[in-house]
Every structure is written in structure tokens, then in C-alpha cells.
């Protein structure tokens, strides 16, 4: 996948790739573009970064990336399972999205 300087284009490329690899579909969550599987969101695009719902060591690995943090769209209460990963790590977004999709499947 070619990297571009446009974070939204990077996100759209991840969406397109996951749609070919899985049953994931684009949608909206809190007004932001997101990826869902069976109606449950597992990744999204927020203010130039991508956010992922992760658990366990995958969550810790994502959080360890420079600039990554718990997703806190309200500015008041971070969402503990969601990690916001800045566009400097766009090359990791597809892998993280796959991890988030797999994590979602493991909860059922």
C-alpha cells in the first residue's frame, strides 16, 4: 500500500483493504468515520489520527507507539479499550485495524 501525506487518504485505503479481506463495513460512530463488523465499531478516523479498539498485548503495543494515547473524544474520560494512533504511524494502521477486527471476533 503506497503511503501518502494525507491521513484521510491513508484511512480510506485501510477501509478499502479491510472491505476486501473481511466483512467489515464503513460507518459512523460519534459522527466520525469508522469501521464496523456485525454492527460493532472496531476502528475509526478522528482529527487526522486513526483509533482502534484493542485488548491485551496488542493494546499495549499500540499505546507504546510515539504520540499514541487513549482515545478521549470528550476530553473528559478516555475510552480505555480505544487507542488513538497519529498519522506518523499510518504505515501501521492496516495491521492495527486487522488486530482490532480480530480482537472484536474474540469477544464473541
PDB file of N, CA and C in Angstrom:
ATOM      1  N   UNK A   1       0.849  -1.180   0.000  1.00  0.00           N
ATOM      2  CA  UNK A   1       0.000   0.000   0.000  1.00  0.00           C
ATOM      3  C   UNK A   1       0.888   1.234   0.000  1.00  0.00           C
ATOM      4  N   UNK A   2       0.702   2.130  -0.922  1.00  0.00           N
ATOM      5  CA  UNK A   2       1.510   3.335  -1.014  1.00  0.00           C
ATOM      6  C   UNK A   2       1.131   4.317   0.091  1.00  0.00           C
ATOM      7  N   UNK A   3       2.117   4.917   0.694  1.00  0.00           N
ATOM      8  CA  UNK A   3       1.869   5.890   1.752  1.00  0.00           C
ATOM      9  C   UNK A   3       1.728   7.279   1.143  1.00  0.00           C
ATOM     10  N   UNK A   4       0.780   8.042   1.615  1.00  0.00           N
ATOM     11  CA  UNK A   4       0.619   9.417   1.156  1.00  0.00           C
ATOM     12  C   UNK A   4       0.703  10.325   2.370  1.00  0.00           C
ATOM     13  N   UNK A   5       0.763  11.622   2.112  1.00  0.00           N
ATOM     14  CA  UNK A   5       0.862  12.579   3.213  1.00  0.00           C
ATOM     15  C   UNK A   5      -0.514  12.929   3.774  1.00  0.00           C
ATOM     16  N   UNK A   6      -1.575  12.405   3.161  1.00  0.00           N
ATOM     17  CA  UNK A   6      -2.938  12.743   3.574  1.00  0.00           C
ATOM     18  C   UNK A   6      -3.500  11.653   4.488  1.00  0.00           C
ATOM     19  N   UNK A   7      -3.648  11.966   5.791  1.00  0.00           N
ATOM     20  CA  UNK A   7      -4.145  10.940   6.722  1.00  0.00           C
ATOM     21  C   UNK A   7      -5.501  10.364   6.319  1.00  0.00           C
ATOM     22  N   UNK A   8      -6.392  11.191   5.774  1.00  0.00           N
ATOM     23  CA  UNK A   8      -7.709  10.671   5.392  1.00  0.00           C
ATOM     24  C   UNK A   8      -7.583   9.675   4.245  1.00  0.00           C
ATOM     25  N   UNK A   9      -6.664   9.945   3.322  1.00  0.00           N
ATOM     26  CA  UNK A   9      -6.441   9.003   2.220  1.00  0.00           C
ATOM     27  C   UNK A   9      -5.882   7.689   2.761  1.00  0.00           C
ATOM     28  N   UNK A  10      -5.027   7.781   3.764  1.00  0.00           N
ATOM     29  CA  UNK A  10      -4.483   6.571   4.399  1.00  0.00           C
ATOM     30  C   UNK A  10      -5.617   5.768   5.044  1.00  0.00           C
ATOM     31  N   UNK A  11      -6.491   6.478   5.761  1.00  0.00           N
ATOM     32  CA  UNK A  11      -7.630   5.808   6.399  1.00  0.00           C
ATOM     33  C   UNK A  11      -8.508   5.139   5.346  1.00  0.00           C
ATOM     34  N   UNK A  12      -8.808   5.876   4.269  1.00  0.00           N
ATOM     35  CA  UNK A  12      -9.661   5.320   3.214  1.00  0.00           C
ATOM     36  C   UNK A  12      -9.037   4.077   2.595  1.00  0.00           C
ATOM     37  N   UNK A  13      -7.700   4.057   2.476  1.00  0.00           N
ATOM     38  CA  UNK A  13      -7.006   2.889   1.929  1.00  0.00           C
ATOM     39  C   UNK A  13      -7.154   1.692   2.875  1.00  0.00           C
ATOM     40  N   UNK A  14      -7.079   1.942   4.191  1.00  0.00           N
ATOM     41  CA  UNK A  14      -7.279   0.871   5.176  1.00  0.00           C
ATOM     42  C   UNK A  14      -8.701   0.325   5.066  1.00  0.00           C
ATOM     43  N   UNK A  15      -9.672   1.224   4.955  1.00  0.00           N
ATOM     44  CA  UNK A  15     -11.077   0.809   4.814  1.00  0.00           C
ATOM     45  C   UNK A  15     -11.246  -0.073   3.575  1.00  0.00           C
ATOM     46  N   UNK A  16     -10.703   0.386   2.454  1.00  0.00           N
ATOM     47  CA  UNK A  16     -10.842  -0.364   1.200  1.00  0.00           C
ATOM     48  C   UNK A  16     -10.205  -1.743   1.323  1.00  0.00           C
ATOM     49  N   UNK A  17      -9.026  -1.804   1.918  1.00  0.00           N
ATOM     50  CA  UNK A  17      -8.325  -3.084   2.076  1.00  0.00           C
ATOM     51  C   UNK A  17      -9.109  -4.035   2.979  1.00  0.00           C
ATOM     52  N   UNK A  18      -9.610  -3.526   4.105  1.00  0.00           N
ATOM     53  CA  UNK A  18     -10.349  -4.397   5.024  1.00  0.00           C
ATOM     54  C   UNK A  18     -11.671  -4.865   4.427  1.00  0.00           C
ATOM     55  N   UNK A  19     -12.270  -4.042   3.579  1.00  0.00           N
ATOM     56  CA  UNK A  19     -13.512  -4.473   2.934  1.00  0.00           C
ATOM     57  C   UNK A  19     -13.260  -5.642   1.988  1.00  0.00           C
ATOM     58  N   UNK A  20     -12.066  -5.718   1.396  1.00  0.00           N
ATOM     59  CA  UNK A  20     -11.772  -6.841   0.512  1.00  0.00           C
ATOM     60  C   UNK A  20     -11.365  -8.078   1.306  1.00  0.00           C
ATOM     61  N   UNK A  21     -10.817  -7.887   2.512  1.00  0.00           N
ATOM     62  CA  UNK A  21     -10.296  -9.004   3.311  1.00  0.00           C
ATOM     63  C   UNK A  21     -11.310  -9.580   4.297  1.00  0.00           C
ATOM     64  N   UNK A  22     -12.376  -8.831   4.595  1.00  0.00           N
ATOM     65  CA  UNK A  22     -13.281  -9.241   5.669  1.00  0.00           C
ATOM     66  C   UNK A  22     -14.689  -8.737   5.388  1.00  0.00           C
ATOM     67  N   UNK A  23     -15.564  -8.930   6.360  1.00  0.00           N
ATOM     68  CA  UNK A  23     -16.943  -8.442   6.222  1.00  0.00           C
ATOM     69  C   UNK A  23     -17.106  -7.055   6.846  1.00  0.00           C
ATOM     70  N   UNK A  24     -15.990  -6.379   7.131  1.00  0.00           N
ATOM     71  CA  UNK A  24     -16.044  -5.038   7.724  1.00  0.00           C
ATOM     72  C   UNK A  24     -16.708  -4.056   6.760  1.00  0.00           C
ATOM     73  N   UNK A  25     -17.432  -3.102   7.338  1.00  0.00           N
ATOM     74  CA  UNK A  25     -18.109  -2.083   6.537  1.00  0.00           C
ATOM     75  C   UNK A  25     -17.853  -0.706   7.123  1.00  0.00           C
ATOM     76  N   UNK A  26     -17.807   0.328   6.267  1.00  0.00           N
ATOM     77  CA  UNK A  26     -17.649   1.684   6.785  1.00  0.00           C
ATOM     78  C   UNK A  26     -18.939   2.165   7.429  1.00  0.00           C
ATOM     79  N   UNK A  27     -18.815   3.007   8.433  1.00  0.00           N
ATOM     80  CA  UNK A  27     -19.982   3.560   9.108  1.00  0.00           C
ATOM     81  C   UNK A  27     -19.612   4.815   9.859  1.00  0.00           C
ATOM     82  N   UNK A  28     -20.411   5.172  10.847  1.00  0.00           N
ATOM     83  CA  UNK A  28     -20.165   6.354  11.670  1.00  0.00           C
ATOM     84  C   UNK A  28     -20.287   5.986  13.143  1.00  0.00           C
ATOM     85  N   UNK A  29     -19.448   6.608  13.963  1.00  0.00           N
ATOM     86  CA  UNK A  29     -19.519   6.470  15.415  1.00  0.00           C
ATOM     87  C   UNK A  29     -19.175   7.834  15.988  1.00  0.00           C
ATOM     88  N   UNK A  30     -20.019   8.383  16.838  1.00  0.00           N
ATOM     89  CA  UNK A  30     -19.826   9.737  17.387  1.00  0.00           C
ATOM     90  C   UNK A  30     -19.614  10.754  16.271  1.00  0.00           C
ATOM     91  N   UNK A  31     -20.217  10.521  15.102  1.00  0.00           N
ATOM     92  CA  UNK A  31     -20.071  11.441  13.989  1.00  0.00           C
ATOM     93  C   UNK A  31     -18.783  11.285  13.204  1.00  0.00           C
ATOM     94  N   UNK A  32     -17.899  10.385  13.639  1.00  0.00           N
ATOM     95  CA  UNK A  32     -16.640  10.195  12.911  1.00  0.00           C
ATOM     96  C   UNK A  32     -16.749   8.964  12.017  1.00  0.00           C
ATOM     97  N   UNK A  33     -15.987   8.936  10.906  1.00  0.00           N
ATOM     98  CA  UNK A  33     -15.977   7.737  10.076  1.00  0.00           C
ATOM     99  C   UNK A  33     -15.395   6.570  10.871  1.00  0.00           C
ATOM    100  N   UNK A  34     -15.973   5.403  10.717  1.00  0.00           N
ATOM    101  CA  UNK A  34     -15.447   4.245  11.434  1.00  0.00           C
ATOM    102  C   UNK A  34     -15.615   2.983  10.604  1.00  0.00           C
ATOM    103  N   UNK A  35     -14.997   1.923  11.091  1.00  0.00           N
ATOM    104  CA  UNK A  35     -15.152   0.588  10.516  1.00  0.00           C
ATOM    105  C   UNK A  35     -15.920  -0.266  11.503  1.00  0.00           C
ATOM    106  N   UNK A  36     -16.891  -1.013  10.991  1.00  0.00           N
ATOM    107  CA  UNK A  36     -17.706  -1.876  11.841  1.00  0.00           C
ATOM    108  C   UNK A  36     -17.702  -3.293  11.290  1.00  0.00           C
ATOM    109  N   UNK A  37     -17.924  -4.223  12.180  1.00  0.00           N
ATOM    110  CA  UNK A  37     -18.148  -5.604  11.779  1.00  0.00           C
ATOM    111  C   UNK A  37     -19.326  -6.110  12.595  1.00  0.00           C
ATOM    112  N   UNK A  38     -20.335  -6.620  11.915  1.00  0.00           N
ATOM    113  CA  UNK A  38     -21.575  -7.044  12.584  1.00  0.00           C
ATOM    114  C   UNK A  38     -22.140  -5.938  13.476  1.00  0.00           C
ATOM    115  N   UNK A  39     -22.057  -4.706  13.004  1.00  0.00           N
ATOM    116  CA  UNK A  39     -22.631  -3.572  13.732  1.00  0.00           C
ATOM    117  C   UNK A  39     -21.787  -3.025  14.863  1.00  0.00           C
ATOM    118  N   UNK A  40     -20.629  -3.625  15.121  1.00  0.00           N
ATOM    119  CA  UNK A  40     -19.771  -3.160  16.215  1.00  0.00           C
ATOM    120  C   UNK A  40     -18.539  -2.455  15.659  1.00  0.00           C
ATOM    121  N   UNK A  41     -18.298  -1.233  16.136  1.00  0.00           N
ATOM    122  CA  UNK A  41     -17.143  -0.462  15.681  1.00  0.00           C
ATOM    123  C   UNK A  41     -15.854  -1.029  16.271  1.00  0.00           C
ATOM    124  N   UNK A  42     -14.807  -1.061  15.451  1.00  0.00           N
ATOM    125  CA  UNK A  42     -13.505  -1.522  15.938  1.00  0.00           C
ATOM    126  C   UNK A  42     -12.363  -0.589  15.544  1.00  0.00           C
ATOM    127  N   UNK A  43     -12.629   0.386  14.675  1.00  0.00           N
ATOM    128  CA  UNK A  43     -11.602   1.349  14.271  1.00  0.00           C
ATOM    129  C   UNK A  43     -12.302   2.580  13.722  1.00  0.00           C
ATOM    130  N   UNK A  44     -11.591   3.707  13.733  1.00  0.00           N
ATOM    131  CA  UNK A  44     -12.189   4.924  13.211  1.00  0.00           C
ATOM    132  C   UNK A  44     -11.135   5.964  12.888  1.00  0.00           C
ATOM    133  N   UNK A  45     -11.607   7.075  12.330  1.00  0.00           N
ATOM    134  CA  UNK A  45     -10.725   8.172  11.944  1.00  0.00           C
ATOM    135  C   UNK A  45     -11.158   9.423  12.693  1.00  0.00           C
ATOM    136  N   UNK A  46     -10.230  10.016  13.445  1.00  0.00           N
ATOM    137  CA  UNK A  46     -10.563  11.157  14.301  1.00  0.00           C
ATOM    138  C   UNK A  46      -9.449  12.193  14.253  1.00  0.00           C
ATOM    139  N   UNK A  47      -9.774  13.371  13.754  1.00  0.00           N
ATOM    140  CA  UNK A  47      -8.850  14.509  13.730  1.00  0.00           C
ATOM    141  C   UNK A  47      -7.458  14.142  13.211  1.00  0.00           C
ATOM    142  N   UNK A  48      -7.421  13.454  12.079  1.00  0.00           N
ATOM    143  CA  UNK A  48      -6.152  13.131  11.442  1.00  0.00           C
ATOM    144  C   UNK A  48      -5.439  11.917  12.005  1.00  0.00           C
ATOM    145  N   UNK A  49      -6.036  11.254  12.985  1.00  0.00           N
ATOM    146  CA  UNK A  49      -5.458  10.040  13.565  1.00  0.00           C
ATOM    147  C   UNK A  49      -6.436   8.893  13.369  1.00  0.00           C
ATOM    148  N   UNK A  50      -5.935   7.689  13.547  1.00  0.00           N
ATOM    149  CA  UNK A  50      -6.827   6.538  13.493  1.00  0.00           C
ATOM    150  C   UNK A  50      -6.936   5.962  14.893  1.00  0.00           C
ATOM    151  N   UNK A  51      -8.125   5.510  15.252  1.00  0.00           N
ATOM    152  CA  UNK A  51      -8.367   4.942  16.578  1.00  0.00           C
ATOM    153  C   UNK A  51      -8.768   3.477  16.422  1.00  0.00           C
ATOM    154  N   UNK A  52      -8.347   2.675  17.392  1.00  0.00           N
ATOM    155  CA  UNK A  52      -8.542   1.228  17.326  1.00  0.00           C
ATOM    156  C   UNK A  52      -9.010   0.698  18.668  1.00  0.00           C
ATOM    157  N   UNK A  53      -9.981  -0.213  18.638  1.00  0.00           N
ATOM    158  CA  UNK A  53     -10.422  -0.885  19.862  1.00  0.00           C
ATOM    159  C   UNK A  53      -9.593  -2.156  19.995  1.00  0.00           C
ATOM    160  N   UNK A  54      -8.721  -2.184  21.002  1.00  0.00           N
ATOM    161  CA  UNK A  54      -7.787  -3.288  21.178  1.00  0.00           C
ATOM    162  C   UNK A  54      -7.804  -3.781  22.615  1.00  0.00           C
ATOM    163  N   UNK A  55      -7.279  -5.000  22.807  1.00  0.00           N
ATOM    164  CA  UNK A  55      -7.162  -5.548  24.158  1.00  0.00           C
ATOM    165  C   UNK A  55      -5.800  -6.204  24.319  1.00  0.00           C
ATOM    166  N   UNK A  56      -5.415  -6.455  25.560  1.00  0.00           N
ATOM    167  CA  UNK A  56      -4.219  -7.227  25.858  1.00  0.00           C
ATOM    168  C   UNK A  56      -2.933  -6.626  25.331  1.00  0.00           C
ATOM    169  N   UNK A  57      -2.039  -7.498  24.846  1.00  0.00           N
ATOM    170  CA  UNK A  57      -0.725  -7.019  24.409  1.00  0.00           C
ATOM    171  C   UNK A  57      -0.813  -6.162  23.152  1.00  0.00           C
ATOM    172  N   UNK A  58      -1.812  -6.372  22.306  1.00  0.00           N
ATOM    173  CA  UNK A  58      -1.973  -5.525  21.109  1.00  0.00           C
ATOM    174  C   UNK A  58      -2.294  -4.085  21.524  1.00  0.00           C
ATOM    175  N   UNK A  59      -3.107  -3.945  22.568  1.00  0.00           N
ATOM    176  CA  UNK A  59      -3.437  -2.627  23.121  1.00  0.00           C
ATOM    177  C   UNK A  59      -2.164  -1.963  23.641  1.00  0.00           C
ATOM    178  N   UNK A  60      -1.380  -2.713  24.409  1.00  0.00           N
ATOM    179  CA  UNK A  60      -0.136  -2.175  24.983  1.00  0.00           C
ATOM    180  C   UNK A  60       0.853  -1.787  23.888  1.00  0.00           C
ATOM    181  N   UNK A  61       0.964  -2.611  22.842  1.00  0.00           N
ATOM    182  CA  UNK A  61       1.881  -2.306  21.736  1.00  0.00           C
ATOM    183  C   UNK A  61       1.465  -1.021  21.023  1.00  0.00           C
ATOM    184  N   UNK A  62       0.177  -0.858  20.766  1.00  0.00           N
ATOM    185  CA  UNK A  62      -0.297   0.350  20.087  1.00  0.00           C
ATOM    186  C   UNK A  62      -0.067   1.576  20.952  1.00  0.00           C
ATOM    187  N   UNK A  63      -0.338   1.442  22.236  1.00  0.00           N
ATOM    188  CA  UNK A  63      -0.183   2.570  23.165  1.00  0.00           C
ATOM    189  C   UNK A  63       1.285   2.970  23.309  1.00  0.00           C
ATOM    190  N   UNK A  64       2.198   2.038  23.048  1.00  0.00           N
ATOM    191  CA  UNK A  64       3.633   2.315  23.173  1.00  0.00           C
ATOM    192  C   UNK A  64       4.191   3.106  21.986  1.00  0.00           C
ATOM    193  N   UNK A  65       3.443   3.216  20.894  1.00  0.00           N
ATOM    194  CA  UNK A  65       3.909   3.992  19.743  1.00  0.00           C
ATOM    195  C   UNK A  65       4.012   5.469  20.136  1.00  0.00           C
ATOM    196  N   UNK A  66       5.028   6.163  19.624  1.00  0.00           N
ATOM    197  CA  UNK A  66       5.199   7.572  19.989  1.00  0.00           C
ATOM    198  C   UNK A  66       3.988   8.390  19.541  1.00  0.00           C
ATOM    199  N   UNK A  67       3.460   9.182  20.451  1.00  0.00           N
ATOM    200  CA  UNK A  67       2.298  10.019  20.160  1.00  0.00           C
ATOM    201  C   UNK A  67       0.966   9.332  20.367  1.00  0.00           C
ATOM    202  N   UNK A  68       0.965   8.015  20.549  1.00  0.00           N
ATOM    203  CA  UNK A  68      -0.294   7.287  20.760  1.00  0.00           C
ATOM    204  C   UNK A  68      -0.802   7.551  22.171  1.00  0.00           C
ATOM    205  N   UNK A  69      -2.129   7.500  22.320  1.00  0.00           N
ATOM    206  CA  UNK A  69      -2.735   7.734  23.637  1.00  0.00           C
ATOM    207  C   UNK A  69      -4.115   7.095  23.659  1.00  0.00           C
ATOM    208  N   UNK A  70      -4.666   6.995  24.855  1.00  0.00           N
ATOM    209  CA  UNK A  70      -6.042   6.520  24.955  1.00  0.00           C
ATOM    210  C   UNK A  70      -6.947   7.524  24.260  1.00  0.00           C
ATOM    211  N   UNK A  71      -7.911   7.024  23.533  1.00  0.00           N
ATOM    212  CA  UNK A  71      -8.838   7.871  22.786  1.00  0.00           C
ATOM    213  C   UNK A  71      -9.774   8.579  23.757  1.00  0.00           C
ATOM    214  N   UNK A  72      -9.801   9.902  23.661  1.00  0.00           N
ATOM    215  CA  UNK A  72     -10.595  10.714  24.589  1.00  0.00           C
ATOM    216  C   UNK A  72     -11.312  11.828  23.820  1.00  0.00           C
ATOM    217  N   UNK A  73     -12.348  11.464  23.028  1.00  0.00           N
ATOM    218  CA  UNK A  73     -13.006  12.475  22.197  1.00  0.00           C
ATOM    219  C   UNK A  73     -13.694  13.581  22.995  1.00  0.00           C
ATOM    220  N   UNK A  74     -14.088  13.295  24.236  1.00  0.00           N
ATOM    221  CA  UNK A  74     -14.786  14.299  25.041  1.00  0.00           C
ATOM    222  C   UNK A  74     -13.804  15.196  25.777  1.00  0.00           C
ATOM    223  N   UNK A  75     -12.554  14.739  25.923  1.00  0.00           N
ATOM    224  CA  UNK A  75     -11.584  15.496  26.698  1.00  0.00           C
ATOM    225  C   UNK A  75     -11.786  15.316  28.196  1.00  0.00           C
ATOM    226  N   UNK A  76     -12.695  14.430  28.582  1.00  0.00           N
ATOM    227  CA  UNK A  76     -13.005  14.248  29.997  1.00  0.00           C
ATOM    228  C   UNK A  76     -12.803  12.826  30.492  1.00  0.00           C
ATOM    229  N   UNK A  77     -13.032  11.858  29.622  1.00  0.00           N
ATOM    230  CA  UNK A  77     -12.946  10.476  30.072  1.00  0.00           C
ATOM    231  C   UNK A  77     -12.423   9.592  28.942  1.00  0.00           C
ATOM    232  N   UNK A  78     -11.152   9.198  29.020  1.00  0.00           N
ATOM    233  CA  UNK A  78     -10.613   8.339  27.962  1.00  0.00           C
ATOM    234  C   UNK A  78     -11.373   7.012  27.872  1.00  0.00           C
ATOM    235  N   UNK A  79     -11.468   6.510  26.644  1.00  0.00           N
ATOM    236  CA  UNK A  79     -12.112   5.211  26.408  1.00  0.00           C
ATOM    237  C   UNK A  79     -11.017   4.157  26.534  1.00  0.00           C
ATOM    238  N   UNK A  80     -11.055   3.376  27.610  1.00  0.00           N
ATOM    239  CA  UNK A  80      -9.911   2.549  27.998  1.00  0.00           C
ATOM    240  C   UNK A  80      -9.498   1.497  26.978  1.00  0.00           C
ATOM    241  N   UNK A  81     -10.414   1.014  26.160  1.00  0.00           N
ATOM    242  CA  UNK A  81     -10.036  -0.010  25.181  1.00  0.00           C
ATOM    243  C   UNK A  81      -9.588   0.584  23.845  1.00  0.00           C
ATOM    244  N   UNK A  82      -9.789   1.892  23.667  1.00  0.00           N
ATOM    245  CA  UNK A  82      -9.510   2.531  22.385  1.00  0.00           C
ATOM    246  C   UNK A  82      -8.194   3.294  22.423  1.00  0.00           C
ATOM    247  N   UNK A  83      -7.346   3.070  21.408  1.00  0.00           N
ATOM    248  CA  UNK A  83      -6.058   3.750  21.303  1.00  0.00           C
ATOM    249  C   UNK A  83      -6.066   4.630  20.060  1.00  0.00           C
ATOM    250  N   UNK A  84      -5.678   5.895  20.244  1.00  0.00           N
ATOM    251  CA  UNK A  84      -5.563   6.849  19.137  1.00  0.00           C
ATOM    252  C   UNK A  84      -4.107   6.839  18.661  1.00  0.00           C
ATOM    253  N   UNK A  85      -3.901   6.530  17.387  1.00  0.00           N
ATOM    254  CA  UNK A  85      -2.559   6.414  16.815  1.00  0.00           C
ATOM    255  C   UNK A  85      -2.387   7.488  15.738  1.00  0.00           C
ATOM    256  N   UNK A  86      -1.431   8.420  15.923  1.00  0.00           N
ATOM    257  CA  UNK A  86      -1.270   9.532  14.985  1.00  0.00           C
ATOM    258  C   UNK A  86      -0.811   9.088  13.594  1.00  0.00           C
ATOM    259  N   UNK A  87      -0.960   9.999  12.633  1.00  0.00           N
ATOM    260  CA  UNK A  87      -0.679   9.665  11.235  1.00  0.00           C
ATOM    261  C   UNK A  87       0.789   9.382  10.966  1.00  0.00           C
ATOM    262  N   UNK A  88       1.686   9.761  11.864  1.00  0.00           N
ATOM    263  CA  UNK A  88       3.102   9.408  11.653  1.00  0.00           C
ATOM    264  C   UNK A  88       3.279   7.883  11.644  1.00  0.00           C
ATOM    265  N   UNK A  89       2.299   7.169  12.167  1.00  0.00           N
ATOM    266  CA  UNK A  89       2.327   5.702  12.177  1.00  0.00           C
ATOM    267  C   UNK A  89       1.322   5.117  11.184  1.00  0.00           C
ATOM    268  N   UNK A  90       0.975   5.886  10.143  1.00  0.00           N
ATOM    269  CA  UNK A  90      -0.027   5.416   9.173  1.00  0.00           C
ATOM    270  C   UNK A  90       0.364   4.082   8.544  1.00  0.00           C
ATOM    271  N   UNK A  91       1.658   3.815   8.446  1.00  0.00           N
ATOM    272  CA  UNK A  91       2.092   2.542   7.868  1.00  0.00           C
ATOM    273  C   UNK A  91       1.695   1.362   8.754  1.00  0.00           C
ATOM    274  N   UNK A  92       1.370   1.630  10.027  1.00  0.00           N
ATOM    275  CA  UNK A  92       0.936   0.578  10.962  1.00  0.00           C
ATOM    276  C   UNK A  92      -0.581   0.456  11.044  1.00  0.00           C
ATOM    277  N   UNK A  93      -1.298   1.410  10.458  1.00  0.00           N
ATOM    278  CA  UNK A  93      -2.743   1.448  10.631  1.00  0.00           C
ATOM    279  C   UNK A  93      -3.441   0.173  10.146  1.00  0.00           C
ATOM    280  N   UNK A  94      -3.049  -0.355   8.992  1.00  0.00           N
ATOM    281  CA  UNK A  94      -3.732  -1.545   8.480  1.00  0.00           C
ATOM    282  C   UNK A  94      -3.552  -2.729   9.429  1.00  0.00           C
ATOM    283  N   UNK A  95      -2.335  -2.937   9.911  1.00  0.00           N
ATOM    284  CA  UNK A  95      -2.078  -4.025  10.846  1.00  0.00           C
ATOM    285  C   UNK A  95      -2.856  -3.860  12.136  1.00  0.00           C
ATOM    286  N   UNK A  96      -2.905  -2.630  12.635  1.00  0.00           N
ATOM    287  CA  UNK A  96      -3.658  -2.360  13.863  1.00  0.00           C
ATOM    288  C   UNK A  96      -5.153  -2.583  13.642  1.00  0.00           C
ATOM    289  N   UNK A  97      -5.645  -2.184  12.475  1.00  0.00           N
ATOM    290  CA  UNK A  97      -7.064  -2.390  12.165  1.00  0.00           C
ATOM    291  C   UNK A  97      -7.382  -3.887  12.105  1.00  0.00           C
ATOM    292  N   UNK A  98      -6.469  -4.667  11.529  1.00  0.00           N
ATOM    293  CA  UNK A  98      -6.671  -6.127  11.494  1.00  0.00           C
ATOM    294  C   UNK A  98      -6.673  -6.684  12.920  1.00  0.00           C
ATOM    295  N   UNK A  99      -5.744  -6.190  13.756  1.00  0.00           N
ATOM    296  CA  UNK A  99      -5.712  -6.635  15.160  1.00  0.00           C
ATOM    297  C   UNK A  99      -7.024  -6.298  15.857  1.00  0.00           C
ATOM    298  N   UNK A 100      -7.537  -5.086  15.604  1.00  0.00           N
ATOM    299  CA  UNK A 100      -8.788  -4.661  16.241  1.00  0.00           C
ATOM    300  C   UNK A 100      -9.957  -5.521  15.767  1.00  0.00           C
ATOM    301  N   UNK A 101      -9.978  -5.840  14.490  1.00  0.00           N
ATOM    302  CA  UNK A 101     -11.030  -6.700  13.945  1.00  0.00           C
ATOM    303  C   UNK A 101     -10.947  -8.096  14.579  1.00  0.00           C
ATOM    304  N   UNK A 102      -9.734  -8.621  14.688  1.00  0.00           N
ATOM    305  CA  UNK A 102      -9.547  -9.935  15.314  1.00  0.00           C
ATOM    306  C   UNK A 102      -9.946  -9.905  16.786  1.00  0.00           C
ATOM    307  N   UNK A 103      -9.613  -8.814  17.464  1.00  0.00           N
ATOM    308  CA  UNK A 103      -9.956  -8.657  18.875  1.00  0.00           C
ATOM    309  C   UNK A 103     -11.471  -8.653  19.049  1.00  0.00           C
ATOM    310  N   UNK A 104     -12.169  -8.009  18.137  1.00  0.00           N
ATOM    311  CA  UNK A 104     -13.630  -7.957  18.167  1.00  0.00           C
ATOM    312  C   UNK A 104     -14.201  -9.364  18.015  1.00  0.00           C
ATOM    313  N   UNK A 105     -13.623 -10.139  17.111  1.00  0.00           N
ATOM    314  CA  UNK A 105     -14.102 -11.507  16.872  1.00  0.00           C
ATOM    315  C   UNK A 105     -13.899 -12.389  18.103  1.00  0.00           C
ATOM    316  N   UNK A 106     -12.823 -12.126  18.858  1.00  0.00           N
ATOM    317  CA  UNK A 106     -12.528 -12.937  20.033  1.00  0.00           C
ATOM    318  C   UNK A 106     -13.487 -12.678  21.202  1.00  0.00           C
ATOM    319  N   UNK A 107     -14.197 -11.557  21.170  1.00  0.00           N
ATOM    320  CA  UNK A 107     -15.100 -11.235  22.284  1.00  0.00           C
ATOM    321  C   UNK A 107     -16.443 -11.942  22.164  1.00  0.00           C
ATOM    322  N   UNK A 108     -16.682 -12.645  21.063  1.00  0.00           N
ATOM    323  CA  UNK A 108     -17.972 -13.312  20.875  1.00  0.00           C
ATOM    324  C   UNK A 108     -17.861 -14.798  21.057  1.00  0.00           C
TER     325      UNK A 108
END
